[in-house]
């Protein structure tokens, strides 16, 4: 069984299609985590495979909160977690900080992050990472799992596309497909526009997540038993 693997790419190189077909057809029960991946699998193998939630979304927010370590930060903050090196994304966060009056707490990944923001956090493991997201007033990230945990913990967030659409290794589909499934594509930032704060109807979003979670659990049960 394959649960929610991510192909993550817009297309499979021609020289690898035969190998993909052979390996995928060796798996009895296959699911994927994004619609683009389901289409690729169908085009390669002819199989219609279900789209299920990322494994991190199978746990509820309360279950994740039982594992987090709260972080002591003395004022409202914007958590900035960027894996890419896009300067315009960070400039947008700076404008958001001025707009809201919230300070910027940075999880450094790129060299430029060592010299940016009001506060930088280095001693952060998985539990502290969850605590930083949960304690933030706003999360800004180009990380797929940064987006997922922000949604699951019902935090106001803004998602940035890390890859150029023309890149062969563009993996934006992971974020785009997930947000489209729960009708939150409006959270994707156009860095050329000024920040605007908009409310999120979490009761509606949580109903959508619960439905997808139920479908995902059903897939696991049917595949395992």
N, C-alpha and C. Protein backbone atom coordinates (compact mmCIF):
# COMPACT_ATOMS: atom_id res chain seq x y z
N UNK A 1 0.85 -1.20 0.00
CA UNK A 1 0.00 0.00 0.00
C UNK A 1 0.88 1.24 0.00
N UNK A 2 0.46 2.24 -0.75
CA UNK A 2 1.13 3.55 -0.73
C UNK A 2 0.12 4.58 -0.25
N UNK A 3 0.43 5.21 0.90
CA UNK A 3 -0.48 6.23 1.42
C UNK A 3 0.08 7.62 1.15
N UNK A 4 -0.62 8.38 0.31
CA UNK A 4 -0.37 9.81 0.07
C UNK A 4 1.04 10.17 -0.34
N UNK A 5 1.70 9.36 -1.20
CA UNK A 5 2.98 9.85 -1.71
C UNK A 5 2.76 11.09 -2.57
N UNK A 6 3.81 11.88 -2.68
CA UNK A 6 3.73 13.09 -3.48
C UNK A 6 4.70 12.99 -4.64
N UNK A 7 4.18 13.03 -5.86
CA UNK A 7 5.07 13.13 -7.02
C UNK A 7 5.64 14.54 -7.07
N UNK A 8 4.79 15.53 -6.82
CA UNK A 8 5.25 16.89 -6.61
C UNK A 8 5.72 17.62 -7.84
N UNK A 9 5.76 16.96 -8.99
CA UNK A 9 6.27 17.58 -10.21
C UNK A 9 5.15 17.71 -11.25
N UNK A 10 5.27 18.69 -12.16
CA UNK A 10 4.23 18.86 -13.17
C UNK A 10 4.19 17.75 -14.21
N UNK A 11 5.32 17.05 -14.41
CA UNK A 11 5.36 15.96 -15.39
C UNK A 11 6.50 15.01 -15.06
N UNK A 12 6.40 13.80 -15.59
CA UNK A 12 7.44 12.80 -15.40
C UNK A 12 8.33 12.78 -16.65
N UNK A 13 9.64 12.84 -16.50
CA UNK A 13 10.53 12.77 -17.67
C UNK A 13 10.25 11.51 -18.50
N UNK A 14 10.30 11.65 -19.81
CA UNK A 14 9.96 10.54 -20.70
C UNK A 14 10.79 9.29 -20.40
N UNK A 15 12.05 9.48 -20.06
CA UNK A 15 12.92 8.31 -19.86
C UNK A 15 12.62 7.56 -18.56
N UNK A 16 11.75 8.12 -17.71
CA UNK A 16 11.41 7.48 -16.44
C UNK A 16 9.99 6.91 -16.41
N UNK A 17 9.21 7.20 -17.45
CA UNK A 17 7.80 6.79 -17.43
C UNK A 17 7.66 5.27 -17.32
N UNK A 18 8.45 4.52 -18.08
CA UNK A 18 8.37 3.07 -18.03
C UNK A 18 8.70 2.52 -16.65
N UNK A 19 9.71 3.09 -16.02
CA UNK A 19 10.09 2.63 -14.68
C UNK A 19 9.02 2.99 -13.66
N UNK A 20 8.45 4.20 -13.77
CA UNK A 20 7.35 4.59 -12.89
C UNK A 20 6.18 3.62 -13.03
N UNK A 21 5.82 3.30 -14.28
CA UNK A 21 4.69 2.40 -14.53
C UNK A 21 4.94 1.04 -13.88
N UNK A 22 6.13 0.52 -14.06
CA UNK A 22 6.48 -0.79 -13.51
C UNK A 22 6.39 -0.80 -11.98
N UNK A 23 6.95 0.22 -11.36
CA UNK A 23 6.99 0.25 -9.89
C UNK A 23 5.61 0.52 -9.29
N UNK A 24 4.86 1.44 -9.89
CA UNK A 24 3.53 1.74 -9.36
C UNK A 24 2.62 0.53 -9.48
N UNK A 25 2.71 -0.19 -10.59
CA UNK A 25 1.85 -1.36 -10.78
C UNK A 25 2.22 -2.52 -9.87
N UNK A 26 3.37 -2.44 -9.22
CA UNK A 26 3.74 -3.45 -8.23
C UNK A 26 3.05 -3.22 -6.89
N UNK A 27 2.39 -2.07 -6.73
CA UNK A 27 1.74 -1.72 -5.47
C UNK A 27 0.24 -2.00 -5.61
N UNK A 28 -0.28 -2.79 -4.69
CA UNK A 28 -1.69 -3.20 -4.78
C UNK A 28 -2.64 -2.02 -4.60
N UNK A 29 -2.39 -1.21 -3.57
CA UNK A 29 -3.30 -0.12 -3.24
C UNK A 29 -2.52 1.19 -3.25
N UNK A 30 -2.91 2.11 -4.12
CA UNK A 30 -2.17 3.36 -4.31
C UNK A 30 -3.10 4.54 -4.08
N UNK A 31 -2.63 5.51 -3.34
CA UNK A 31 -3.29 6.81 -3.22
C UNK A 31 -2.22 7.88 -3.36
N UNK A 32 -2.65 9.11 -3.60
CA UNK A 32 -1.71 10.23 -3.70
C UNK A 32 -2.28 11.41 -2.92
N UNK A 33 -1.44 12.42 -2.73
CA UNK A 33 -1.90 13.55 -1.91
C UNK A 33 -2.30 14.77 -2.72
N UNK A 34 -2.14 14.73 -4.05
CA UNK A 34 -2.60 15.87 -4.83
C UNK A 34 -3.23 15.43 -6.14
N UNK A 35 -4.18 16.25 -6.63
CA UNK A 35 -4.91 15.91 -7.85
C UNK A 35 -3.97 15.78 -9.05
N UNK A 36 -2.96 16.65 -9.12
CA UNK A 36 -2.01 16.57 -10.22
C UNK A 36 -1.29 15.22 -10.23
N UNK A 37 -0.99 14.70 -9.03
CA UNK A 37 -0.35 13.40 -8.93
C UNK A 37 -1.27 12.28 -9.38
N UNK A 38 -2.56 12.39 -9.05
CA UNK A 38 -3.53 11.38 -9.47
C UNK A 38 -3.62 11.33 -11.00
N UNK A 39 -3.59 12.51 -11.62
CA UNK A 39 -3.65 12.57 -13.09
C UNK A 39 -2.40 11.94 -13.71
N UNK A 40 -1.23 12.22 -13.12
CA UNK A 40 0.01 11.64 -13.63
C UNK A 40 -0.02 10.12 -13.52
N UNK A 41 -0.47 9.61 -12.37
CA UNK A 41 -0.54 8.16 -12.20
C UNK A 41 -1.51 7.55 -13.22
N UNK A 42 -2.64 8.21 -13.44
CA UNK A 42 -3.60 7.70 -14.42
C UNK A 42 -2.99 7.68 -15.82
N UNK A 43 -2.30 8.76 -16.19
CA UNK A 43 -1.70 8.83 -17.53
C UNK A 43 -0.61 7.78 -17.72
N UNK A 44 0.10 7.46 -16.65
CA UNK A 44 1.20 6.50 -16.74
C UNK A 44 0.70 5.06 -16.71
N UNK A 45 -0.29 4.78 -15.84
CA UNK A 45 -0.70 3.39 -15.58
C UNK A 45 -2.13 3.07 -16.00
N UNK A 46 -2.95 4.09 -16.22
CA UNK A 46 -4.37 3.86 -16.49
C UNK A 46 -5.19 3.66 -15.24
N UNK A 47 -4.57 3.73 -14.07
CA UNK A 47 -5.28 3.51 -12.80
C UNK A 47 -5.87 4.82 -12.28
N UNK A 48 -7.09 4.73 -11.76
CA UNK A 48 -7.71 5.86 -11.07
C UNK A 48 -7.44 5.70 -9.57
N UNK A 49 -6.64 6.60 -9.02
CA UNK A 49 -6.25 6.46 -7.62
C UNK A 49 -6.86 7.60 -6.80
N UNK A 50 -7.23 7.33 -5.55
CA UNK A 50 -7.85 8.36 -4.72
C UNK A 50 -6.85 9.40 -4.25
N UNK A 51 -7.35 10.60 -4.02
CA UNK A 51 -6.55 11.68 -3.43
C UNK A 51 -6.91 11.76 -1.96
N UNK A 52 -5.92 11.61 -1.10
CA UNK A 52 -6.13 11.59 0.34
C UNK A 52 -5.32 12.71 0.99
N UNK A 53 -5.58 12.94 2.27
CA UNK A 53 -4.88 13.99 2.98
C UNK A 53 -3.44 13.60 3.29
N UNK A 54 -2.59 14.61 3.36
CA UNK A 54 -1.24 14.43 3.87
C UNK A 54 -1.34 13.76 5.25
N UNK A 55 -0.41 12.85 5.58
CA UNK A 55 -0.50 12.15 6.88
C UNK A 55 -0.60 13.07 8.09
N UNK A 56 0.03 14.25 8.02
CA UNK A 56 -0.03 15.15 9.18
C UNK A 56 -1.45 15.63 9.44
N UNK A 57 -2.32 15.61 8.42
CA UNK A 57 -3.69 16.08 8.58
C UNK A 57 -4.62 15.02 9.13
N UNK A 58 -4.13 13.80 9.30
CA UNK A 58 -4.96 12.75 9.87
C UNK A 58 -5.18 12.96 11.36
N UNK A 59 -4.28 13.70 12.00
CA UNK A 59 -4.46 14.05 13.41
C UNK A 59 -5.20 15.36 13.51
N UNK A 60 -6.05 15.47 14.51
CA UNK A 60 -6.78 16.72 14.74
C UNK A 60 -5.88 17.74 15.40
N UNK A 61 -6.35 18.98 15.44
CA UNK A 61 -5.57 20.03 16.09
C UNK A 61 -5.35 19.72 17.57
N UNK A 62 -6.35 19.18 18.24
CA UNK A 62 -6.20 18.84 19.67
C UNK A 62 -5.14 17.77 19.86
N UNK A 63 -5.09 16.82 18.95
CA UNK A 63 -4.06 15.78 19.06
C UNK A 63 -2.66 16.37 18.88
N UNK A 64 -2.50 17.27 17.92
CA UNK A 64 -1.20 17.92 17.73
C UNK A 64 -0.85 18.81 18.92
N UNK A 65 -1.84 19.50 19.47
CA UNK A 65 -1.56 20.39 20.60
C UNK A 65 -1.06 19.63 21.81
N UNK A 66 -1.44 18.38 21.94
CA UNK A 66 -0.98 17.59 23.08
C UNK A 66 0.51 17.29 22.98
N UNK A 67 1.11 17.51 21.81
CA UNK A 67 2.54 17.24 21.61
C UNK A 67 3.39 18.51 21.52
N UNK A 68 2.78 19.66 21.45
CA UNK A 68 3.55 20.88 21.22
C UNK A 68 4.14 21.44 22.50
N UNK A 69 5.18 22.24 22.33
CA UNK A 69 5.80 22.97 23.44
C UNK A 69 5.53 24.46 23.20
N UNK A 70 4.77 25.08 24.08
CA UNK A 70 4.44 26.49 23.95
C UNK A 70 5.71 27.35 24.02
N UNK A 71 5.73 28.42 23.22
CA UNK A 71 6.87 29.33 23.18
C UNK A 71 6.50 30.65 23.84
N UNK A 72 7.41 31.17 24.66
CA UNK A 72 7.16 32.41 25.38
C UNK A 72 7.63 33.59 24.54
N UNK A 73 6.70 34.27 23.92
CA UNK A 73 6.98 35.48 23.14
C UNK A 73 6.03 36.55 23.65
N UNK A 74 6.57 37.71 24.03
CA UNK A 74 5.84 38.67 24.87
C UNK A 74 4.89 39.59 24.13
N UNK A 75 4.75 39.46 22.82
CA UNK A 75 3.85 40.33 22.07
C UNK A 75 3.37 39.61 20.82
N UNK A 76 2.26 40.07 20.21
CA UNK A 76 1.78 39.43 18.99
C UNK A 76 2.86 39.39 17.92
N UNK A 77 2.91 38.28 17.19
CA UNK A 77 3.99 38.15 16.20
C UNK A 77 3.52 37.47 14.93
N UNK A 78 4.26 37.78 13.87
CA UNK A 78 4.13 37.09 12.58
C UNK A 78 5.24 36.06 12.54
N UNK A 79 4.88 34.79 12.40
CA UNK A 79 5.90 33.76 12.25
C UNK A 79 6.25 33.65 10.77
N UNK A 80 7.54 33.82 10.47
CA UNK A 80 8.02 33.74 9.10
C UNK A 80 8.87 32.50 8.94
N UNK A 81 8.43 31.60 8.05
CA UNK A 81 9.15 30.35 7.80
C UNK A 81 9.24 30.14 6.30
N UNK A 82 10.38 30.57 5.72
CA UNK A 82 10.59 30.47 4.28
C UNK A 82 11.74 29.50 3.98
N UNK A 83 11.46 28.54 3.13
CA UNK A 83 12.51 27.63 2.65
C UNK A 83 13.20 28.20 1.42
N UNK A 84 12.46 28.99 0.63
CA UNK A 84 13.03 29.63 -0.55
C UNK A 84 13.79 30.89 -0.18
N UNK A 85 14.42 31.49 -1.18
CA UNK A 85 15.28 32.65 -0.95
C UNK A 85 14.74 33.90 -1.64
N UNK A 86 13.42 33.98 -1.76
CA UNK A 86 12.79 35.07 -2.50
C UNK A 86 12.74 36.35 -1.65
N UNK A 87 13.45 37.37 -2.10
CA UNK A 87 13.52 38.63 -1.36
C UNK A 87 12.17 39.31 -1.30
N UNK A 88 11.38 39.23 -2.37
CA UNK A 88 10.09 39.91 -2.41
C UNK A 88 9.12 39.33 -1.38
N UNK A 89 9.23 38.05 -1.10
CA UNK A 89 8.36 37.44 -0.09
C UNK A 89 8.65 38.04 1.28
N UNK A 90 9.91 38.21 1.59
CA UNK A 90 10.28 38.78 2.88
C UNK A 90 9.90 40.27 2.96
N UNK A 91 10.01 40.97 1.86
CA UNK A 91 9.60 42.38 1.84
C UNK A 91 8.10 42.50 2.09
N UNK A 92 7.32 41.55 1.56
CA UNK A 92 5.87 41.57 1.80
C UNK A 92 5.58 41.38 3.28
N UNK A 93 6.32 40.48 3.93
CA UNK A 93 6.15 40.27 5.36
C UNK A 93 6.49 41.54 6.14
N UNK A 94 7.54 42.24 5.71
CA UNK A 94 7.89 43.51 6.36
C UNK A 94 6.74 44.51 6.24
N UNK A 95 6.10 44.55 5.08
CA UNK A 95 4.97 45.46 4.90
C UNK A 95 3.79 45.02 5.77
N UNK A 96 3.59 43.71 5.89
CA UNK A 96 2.52 43.20 6.75
C UNK A 96 2.80 43.57 8.21
N UNK A 97 4.05 43.51 8.61
CA UNK A 97 4.43 43.88 9.97
C UNK A 97 4.10 45.34 10.26
N UNK A 98 4.41 46.21 9.30
CA UNK A 98 4.09 47.64 9.47
C UNK A 98 2.58 47.85 9.50
N UNK A 99 1.86 47.10 8.70
CA UNK A 99 0.40 47.23 8.60
C UNK A 99 -0.28 46.80 9.90
N UNK A 100 0.22 45.73 10.50
CA UNK A 100 -0.43 45.17 11.69
C UNK A 100 0.18 45.66 13.00
N UNK A 101 1.44 46.08 12.96
CA UNK A 101 2.14 46.42 14.19
C UNK A 101 2.73 45.21 14.89
N UNK A 102 2.62 44.02 14.28
CA UNK A 102 3.16 42.80 14.88
C UNK A 102 4.64 42.66 14.53
N UNK A 103 5.43 42.15 15.47
CA UNK A 103 6.83 41.91 15.17
C UNK A 103 6.98 40.63 14.36
N UNK A 104 8.13 40.49 13.72
CA UNK A 104 8.41 39.33 12.87
C UNK A 104 9.36 38.39 13.59
N UNK A 105 8.89 37.16 13.84
CA UNK A 105 9.72 36.10 14.41
C UNK A 105 10.10 35.16 13.28
N UNK A 106 11.40 34.96 13.09
CA UNK A 106 11.90 34.22 11.92
C UNK A 106 12.45 32.86 12.34
N UNK A 107 12.05 31.83 11.60
CA UNK A 107 12.73 30.54 11.65
C UNK A 107 13.74 30.53 10.50
N UNK A 108 15.02 30.75 10.77
CA UNK A 108 16.01 30.93 9.70
C UNK A 108 16.23 29.65 8.91
N UNK A 109 16.27 29.80 7.60
CA UNK A 109 16.64 28.69 6.72
C UNK A 109 17.69 29.14 5.72
N UNK A 110 17.48 30.32 5.14
CA UNK A 110 18.45 30.90 4.23
C UNK A 110 19.39 31.84 4.99
N UNK A 111 20.55 32.11 4.41
CA UNK A 111 21.55 32.97 5.04
C UNK A 111 20.97 34.34 5.36
N UNK A 112 20.15 34.89 4.45
CA UNK A 112 19.60 36.22 4.65
C UNK A 112 18.71 36.29 5.90
N UNK A 113 18.18 35.13 6.32
CA UNK A 113 17.29 35.11 7.48
C UNK A 113 18.03 35.36 8.80
N UNK A 114 19.35 35.22 8.77
CA UNK A 114 20.13 35.47 9.99
C UNK A 114 20.17 36.95 10.34
N UNK A 115 19.81 37.79 9.39
CA UNK A 115 19.90 39.24 9.58
C UNK A 115 18.57 39.93 9.34
N UNK A 116 17.49 39.17 9.46
CA UNK A 116 16.16 39.71 9.12
C UNK A 116 15.19 39.44 10.26
N UNK A 117 14.23 40.33 10.40
CA UNK A 117 13.19 40.14 11.40
C UNK A 117 13.55 40.75 12.74
N UNK A 118 12.58 40.70 13.65
CA UNK A 118 12.77 41.25 14.99
C UNK A 118 13.35 40.23 15.96
N UNK A 119 13.11 38.95 15.66
CA UNK A 119 13.59 37.89 16.55
C UNK A 119 13.80 36.64 15.71
N UNK A 120 14.88 35.93 16.00
CA UNK A 120 15.15 34.69 15.29
C UNK A 120 15.21 33.54 16.29
N UNK A 121 14.64 32.40 15.89
CA UNK A 121 14.62 31.23 16.75
C UNK A 121 15.45 30.11 16.11
N UNK A 122 16.41 29.60 16.85
CA UNK A 122 17.31 28.57 16.31
C UNK A 122 17.09 27.21 16.97
N UNK A 123 16.78 27.20 18.27
CA UNK A 123 16.66 25.94 19.01
C UNK A 123 15.23 25.41 18.91
N UNK A 124 14.84 25.07 17.68
CA UNK A 124 13.44 24.68 17.42
C UNK A 124 13.40 23.27 16.84
N UNK A 125 12.79 22.36 17.59
CA UNK A 125 12.50 21.02 17.09
C UNK A 125 11.04 20.92 16.71
N UNK A 126 10.54 19.73 16.40
CA UNK A 126 9.15 19.59 15.98
C UNK A 126 8.13 20.13 16.99
N UNK A 127 8.35 19.88 18.28
CA UNK A 127 7.39 20.33 19.28
C UNK A 127 7.38 21.86 19.40
N UNK A 128 8.57 22.46 19.34
CA UNK A 128 8.67 23.92 19.41
C UNK A 128 8.12 24.55 18.14
N UNK A 129 8.32 23.89 17.01
CA UNK A 129 7.79 24.37 15.73
C UNK A 129 6.27 24.48 15.80
N UNK A 130 5.62 23.46 16.32
CA UNK A 130 4.17 23.50 16.49
C UNK A 130 3.76 24.62 17.44
N UNK A 131 4.53 24.81 18.51
CA UNK A 131 4.22 25.86 19.47
C UNK A 131 4.33 27.24 18.88
N UNK A 132 5.32 27.45 18.01
CA UNK A 132 5.49 28.75 17.36
C UNK A 132 4.33 29.04 16.42
N UNK A 133 3.88 28.04 15.68
CA UNK A 133 2.73 28.24 14.79
C UNK A 133 1.48 28.53 15.62
N UNK A 134 1.26 27.76 16.65
CA UNK A 134 0.05 27.91 17.45
C UNK A 134 0.00 29.26 18.17
N UNK A 135 1.17 29.79 18.55
CA UNK A 135 1.19 31.06 19.27
C UNK A 135 1.20 32.28 18.39
N UNK A 136 1.38 32.10 17.07
CA UNK A 136 1.48 33.23 16.15
C UNK A 136 0.13 33.89 15.91
N UNK A 137 0.16 35.19 15.70
CA UNK A 137 -1.04 35.89 15.24
C UNK A 137 -1.26 35.64 13.76
N UNK A 138 -0.16 35.57 13.00
CA UNK A 138 -0.20 35.31 11.57
C UNK A 138 1.02 34.45 11.22
N UNK A 139 0.84 33.50 10.31
CA UNK A 139 1.96 32.70 9.79
C UNK A 139 2.15 33.03 8.32
N UNK A 140 3.40 33.30 7.93
CA UNK A 140 3.76 33.51 6.53
C UNK A 140 4.78 32.46 6.15
N UNK A 141 4.49 31.67 5.12
CA UNK A 141 5.37 30.55 4.80
C UNK A 141 5.26 30.15 3.34
N UNK A 142 6.37 29.61 2.82
CA UNK A 142 6.34 28.96 1.50
C UNK A 142 6.53 27.46 1.66
N UNK A 143 6.40 26.99 2.90
CA UNK A 143 6.56 25.57 3.21
C UNK A 143 5.21 24.86 3.13
N UNK A 144 5.18 23.75 2.44
CA UNK A 144 3.95 22.95 2.33
C UNK A 144 3.44 22.57 3.72
N UNK A 145 4.30 22.04 4.56
CA UNK A 145 3.85 21.64 5.89
C UNK A 145 3.63 22.84 6.80
N UNK A 146 4.30 23.94 6.53
CA UNK A 146 3.97 25.16 7.25
C UNK A 146 2.52 25.56 7.00
N UNK A 147 2.08 25.42 5.76
CA UNK A 147 0.68 25.70 5.40
C UNK A 147 -0.25 24.70 6.06
N UNK A 148 0.09 23.41 6.00
CA UNK A 148 -0.79 22.39 6.56
C UNK A 148 -1.01 22.58 8.05
N UNK A 149 0.07 22.82 8.79
CA UNK A 149 -0.09 22.98 10.24
C UNK A 149 -0.82 24.28 10.57
N UNK A 150 -0.62 25.32 9.78
CA UNK A 150 -1.37 26.56 10.00
C UNK A 150 -2.86 26.33 9.83
N UNK A 151 -3.22 25.57 8.80
CA UNK A 151 -4.64 25.26 8.57
C UNK A 151 -5.18 24.38 9.69
N UNK A 152 -4.45 23.33 10.02
CA UNK A 152 -4.94 22.39 11.03
C UNK A 152 -5.10 23.04 12.40
N UNK A 153 -4.23 24.02 12.70
CA UNK A 153 -4.30 24.71 13.98
C UNK A 153 -5.15 25.98 13.91
N UNK A 154 -5.78 26.19 12.74
CA UNK A 154 -6.71 27.32 12.56
C UNK A 154 -6.03 28.67 12.80
N UNK A 155 -4.85 28.84 12.23
CA UNK A 155 -4.13 30.10 12.35
C UNK A 155 -4.30 30.93 11.08
N UNK A 156 -4.43 32.24 11.25
CA UNK A 156 -4.41 33.09 10.07
C UNK A 156 -3.05 32.93 9.41
N UNK A 157 -3.06 32.70 8.10
CA UNK A 157 -1.80 32.44 7.41
C UNK A 157 -1.83 32.98 6.00
N UNK A 158 -0.64 33.13 5.44
CA UNK A 158 -0.48 33.51 4.04
C UNK A 158 0.55 32.59 3.42
N UNK A 159 0.20 32.02 2.27
CA UNK A 159 1.05 31.04 1.60
C UNK A 159 1.74 31.69 0.40
N UNK A 160 3.01 31.38 0.24
CA UNK A 160 3.82 31.91 -0.85
C UNK A 160 4.29 30.76 -1.72
N UNK A 161 4.34 30.98 -3.02
CA UNK A 161 4.78 29.94 -3.95
C UNK A 161 6.29 30.00 -4.07
N UNK A 162 6.94 28.92 -3.66
CA UNK A 162 8.40 28.90 -3.58
C UNK A 162 9.07 28.78 -4.94
N UNK A 163 8.41 28.11 -5.88
CA UNK A 163 9.05 27.78 -7.14
C UNK A 163 8.52 28.64 -8.29
N UNK A 164 9.39 28.93 -9.23
CA UNK A 164 8.97 29.56 -10.47
C UNK A 164 8.20 28.55 -11.29
N UNK A 165 7.06 28.98 -11.85
CA UNK A 165 6.20 28.05 -12.59
C UNK A 165 6.91 27.42 -13.78
N UNK A 166 7.97 28.04 -14.27
CA UNK A 166 8.69 27.50 -15.44
C UNK A 166 9.77 26.50 -15.06
N UNK A 167 10.03 26.33 -13.75
CA UNK A 167 11.05 25.39 -13.32
C UNK A 167 10.60 23.95 -13.56
N UNK A 168 11.52 23.11 -14.04
CA UNK A 168 11.20 21.70 -14.26
C UNK A 168 10.91 20.98 -12.95
N UNK A 169 11.55 21.42 -11.87
CA UNK A 169 11.35 20.80 -10.57
C UNK A 169 10.37 21.59 -9.71
N UNK A 170 9.48 22.32 -10.36
CA UNK A 170 8.46 23.09 -9.67
C UNK A 170 7.55 22.18 -8.84
N UNK A 171 7.47 22.45 -7.53
CA UNK A 171 6.64 21.64 -6.65
C UNK A 171 5.47 22.45 -6.06
N UNK A 172 5.09 23.52 -6.71
CA UNK A 172 3.99 24.34 -6.19
C UNK A 172 2.67 23.60 -6.11
N UNK A 173 2.52 22.54 -6.91
CA UNK A 173 1.22 21.85 -6.97
C UNK A 173 0.81 21.30 -5.61
N UNK A 174 1.78 20.98 -4.76
CA UNK A 174 1.42 20.43 -3.45
C UNK A 174 0.59 21.43 -2.65
N UNK A 175 1.06 22.69 -2.63
CA UNK A 175 0.32 23.73 -1.90
C UNK A 175 -0.94 24.12 -2.64
N UNK A 176 -0.83 24.31 -3.95
CA UNK A 176 -1.97 24.75 -4.75
C UNK A 176 -3.13 23.75 -4.67
N UNK A 177 -2.83 22.47 -4.83
CA UNK A 177 -3.89 21.45 -4.81
C UNK A 177 -4.55 21.37 -3.45
N UNK A 178 -3.77 21.43 -2.38
CA UNK A 178 -4.34 21.34 -1.04
C UNK A 178 -5.27 22.52 -0.76
N UNK A 179 -4.80 23.73 -1.03
CA UNK A 179 -5.63 24.90 -0.74
C UNK A 179 -6.87 24.93 -1.62
N UNK A 180 -6.76 24.48 -2.85
CA UNK A 180 -7.92 24.44 -3.74
C UNK A 180 -8.97 23.46 -3.21
N UNK A 181 -8.54 22.34 -2.65
CA UNK A 181 -9.47 21.32 -2.14
C UNK A 181 -10.31 21.84 -0.99
N UNK A 182 -9.77 22.78 -0.21
CA UNK A 182 -10.53 23.29 0.94
C UNK A 182 -10.97 24.74 0.71
N UNK A 183 -10.94 25.17 -0.55
CA UNK A 183 -11.42 26.51 -0.95
C UNK A 183 -10.68 27.63 -0.21
N UNK A 184 -9.36 27.52 -0.15
CA UNK A 184 -8.56 28.55 0.49
C UNK A 184 -7.46 29.09 -0.44
N UNK A 185 -7.70 29.02 -1.73
CA UNK A 185 -6.70 29.51 -2.67
C UNK A 185 -6.45 31.00 -2.54
N UNK A 186 -7.40 31.71 -1.91
CA UNK A 186 -7.24 33.15 -1.74
C UNK A 186 -6.14 33.49 -0.73
N UNK A 187 -5.61 32.49 -0.03
CA UNK A 187 -4.53 32.74 0.94
C UNK A 187 -3.17 32.78 0.27
N UNK A 188 -3.10 32.52 -1.03
CA UNK A 188 -1.84 32.59 -1.76
C UNK A 188 -1.51 34.05 -2.06
N UNK A 189 -0.32 34.45 -1.71
CA UNK A 189 0.07 35.86 -1.78
C UNK A 189 0.62 36.23 -3.15
N UNK A 190 0.15 37.36 -3.66
CA UNK A 190 0.79 38.03 -4.78
C UNK A 190 1.70 39.10 -4.17
N UNK A 191 3.03 38.89 -4.16
CA UNK A 191 3.92 39.81 -3.44
C UNK A 191 3.96 41.22 -4.02
N UNK A 192 3.39 41.41 -5.21
CA UNK A 192 3.37 42.75 -5.79
C UNK A 192 2.25 43.60 -5.20
N UNK A 193 1.33 42.98 -4.47
CA UNK A 193 0.20 43.71 -3.89
C UNK A 193 0.44 43.95 -2.41
N UNK A 194 -0.17 45.01 -1.89
CA UNK A 194 -0.01 45.35 -0.49
C UNK A 194 -0.83 44.39 0.38
N UNK A 195 -0.37 44.14 1.60
CA UNK A 195 -1.08 43.22 2.51
C UNK A 195 -2.48 43.73 2.85
N UNK A 196 -3.41 42.79 2.95
CA UNK A 196 -4.75 43.05 3.44
C UNK A 196 -5.14 41.91 4.36
N UNK A 197 -5.77 42.24 5.47
CA UNK A 197 -6.20 41.22 6.41
C UNK A 197 -7.64 40.81 6.09
N UNK A 198 -7.88 39.52 5.98
CA UNK A 198 -9.24 39.02 5.72
C UNK A 198 -9.53 37.87 6.67
N UNK A 199 -10.76 37.81 7.15
CA UNK A 199 -11.16 36.78 8.10
C UNK A 199 -11.30 35.42 7.42
N UNK A 200 -11.08 34.38 8.20
CA UNK A 200 -11.24 33.00 7.73
C UNK A 200 -12.39 32.36 8.49
N UNK A 201 -13.32 31.79 7.77
CA UNK A 201 -14.44 31.09 8.40
C UNK A 201 -13.99 29.66 8.72
N UNK A 202 -13.40 29.50 9.90
CA UNK A 202 -12.79 28.22 10.23
C UNK A 202 -13.83 27.11 10.42
N UNK A 203 -15.03 27.43 10.81
CA UNK A 203 -16.04 26.37 10.98
C UNK A 203 -16.31 25.68 9.65
N UNK A 204 -16.38 26.46 8.57
CA UNK A 204 -16.60 25.88 7.24
C UNK A 204 -15.37 25.08 6.80
N UNK A 205 -14.19 25.66 7.00
CA UNK A 205 -12.95 24.98 6.59
C UNK A 205 -12.79 23.67 7.36
N UNK A 206 -13.07 23.69 8.66
CA UNK A 206 -12.91 22.49 9.46
C UNK A 206 -13.87 21.39 9.04
N UNK A 207 -15.05 21.75 8.56
CA UNK A 207 -15.98 20.75 8.05
C UNK A 207 -15.42 20.08 6.80
N UNK A 208 -14.79 20.88 5.94
CA UNK A 208 -14.19 20.32 4.73
C UNK A 208 -13.04 19.38 5.09
N UNK A 209 -12.21 19.80 6.04
CA UNK A 209 -11.08 18.97 6.46
C UNK A 209 -11.59 17.66 7.07
N UNK A 210 -12.63 17.75 7.91
CA UNK A 210 -13.18 16.55 8.54
C UNK A 210 -13.69 15.56 7.50
N UNK A 211 -14.30 16.08 6.42
CA UNK A 211 -14.79 15.21 5.35
C UNK A 211 -13.63 14.51 4.65
N UNK A 212 -12.58 15.28 4.30
CA UNK A 212 -11.42 14.68 3.64
C UNK A 212 -10.70 13.71 4.58
N UNK A 213 -10.69 14.02 5.87
CA UNK A 213 -10.05 13.12 6.85
C UNK A 213 -10.81 11.80 6.91
N UNK A 214 -12.14 11.87 6.87
CA UNK A 214 -12.95 10.66 6.91
C UNK A 214 -12.69 9.80 5.67
N UNK A 215 -12.61 10.43 4.50
CA UNK A 215 -12.31 9.70 3.27
C UNK A 215 -10.95 9.03 3.36
N UNK A 216 -9.99 9.75 3.92
CA UNK A 216 -8.64 9.21 4.05
C UNK A 216 -8.60 8.03 5.00
N UNK A 217 -9.30 8.13 6.11
CA UNK A 217 -9.38 7.01 7.05
C UNK A 217 -10.04 5.79 6.39
N UNK A 218 -11.09 6.05 5.61
CA UNK A 218 -11.77 4.95 4.92
C UNK A 218 -10.81 4.24 3.96
N UNK A 219 -9.98 5.03 3.26
CA UNK A 219 -9.00 4.41 2.34
C UNK A 219 -8.04 3.52 3.12
N UNK A 220 -7.55 4.01 4.27
CA UNK A 220 -6.62 3.21 5.06
C UNK A 220 -7.26 1.92 5.53
N UNK A 221 -8.50 2.01 6.01
CA UNK A 221 -9.18 0.82 6.51
C UNK A 221 -9.39 -0.21 5.38
N UNK A 222 -9.86 0.29 4.25
CA UNK A 222 -10.14 -0.64 3.14
C UNK A 222 -8.86 -1.26 2.60
N UNK A 223 -7.75 -0.54 2.65
CA UNK A 223 -6.50 -1.06 2.13
C UNK A 223 -5.84 -2.03 3.11
N UNK A 224 -5.98 -1.76 4.40
CA UNK A 224 -5.31 -2.59 5.41
C UNK A 224 -6.11 -3.82 5.78
N UNK A 225 -7.46 -3.69 5.74
CA UNK A 225 -8.27 -4.80 6.26
C UNK A 225 -9.19 -5.38 5.19
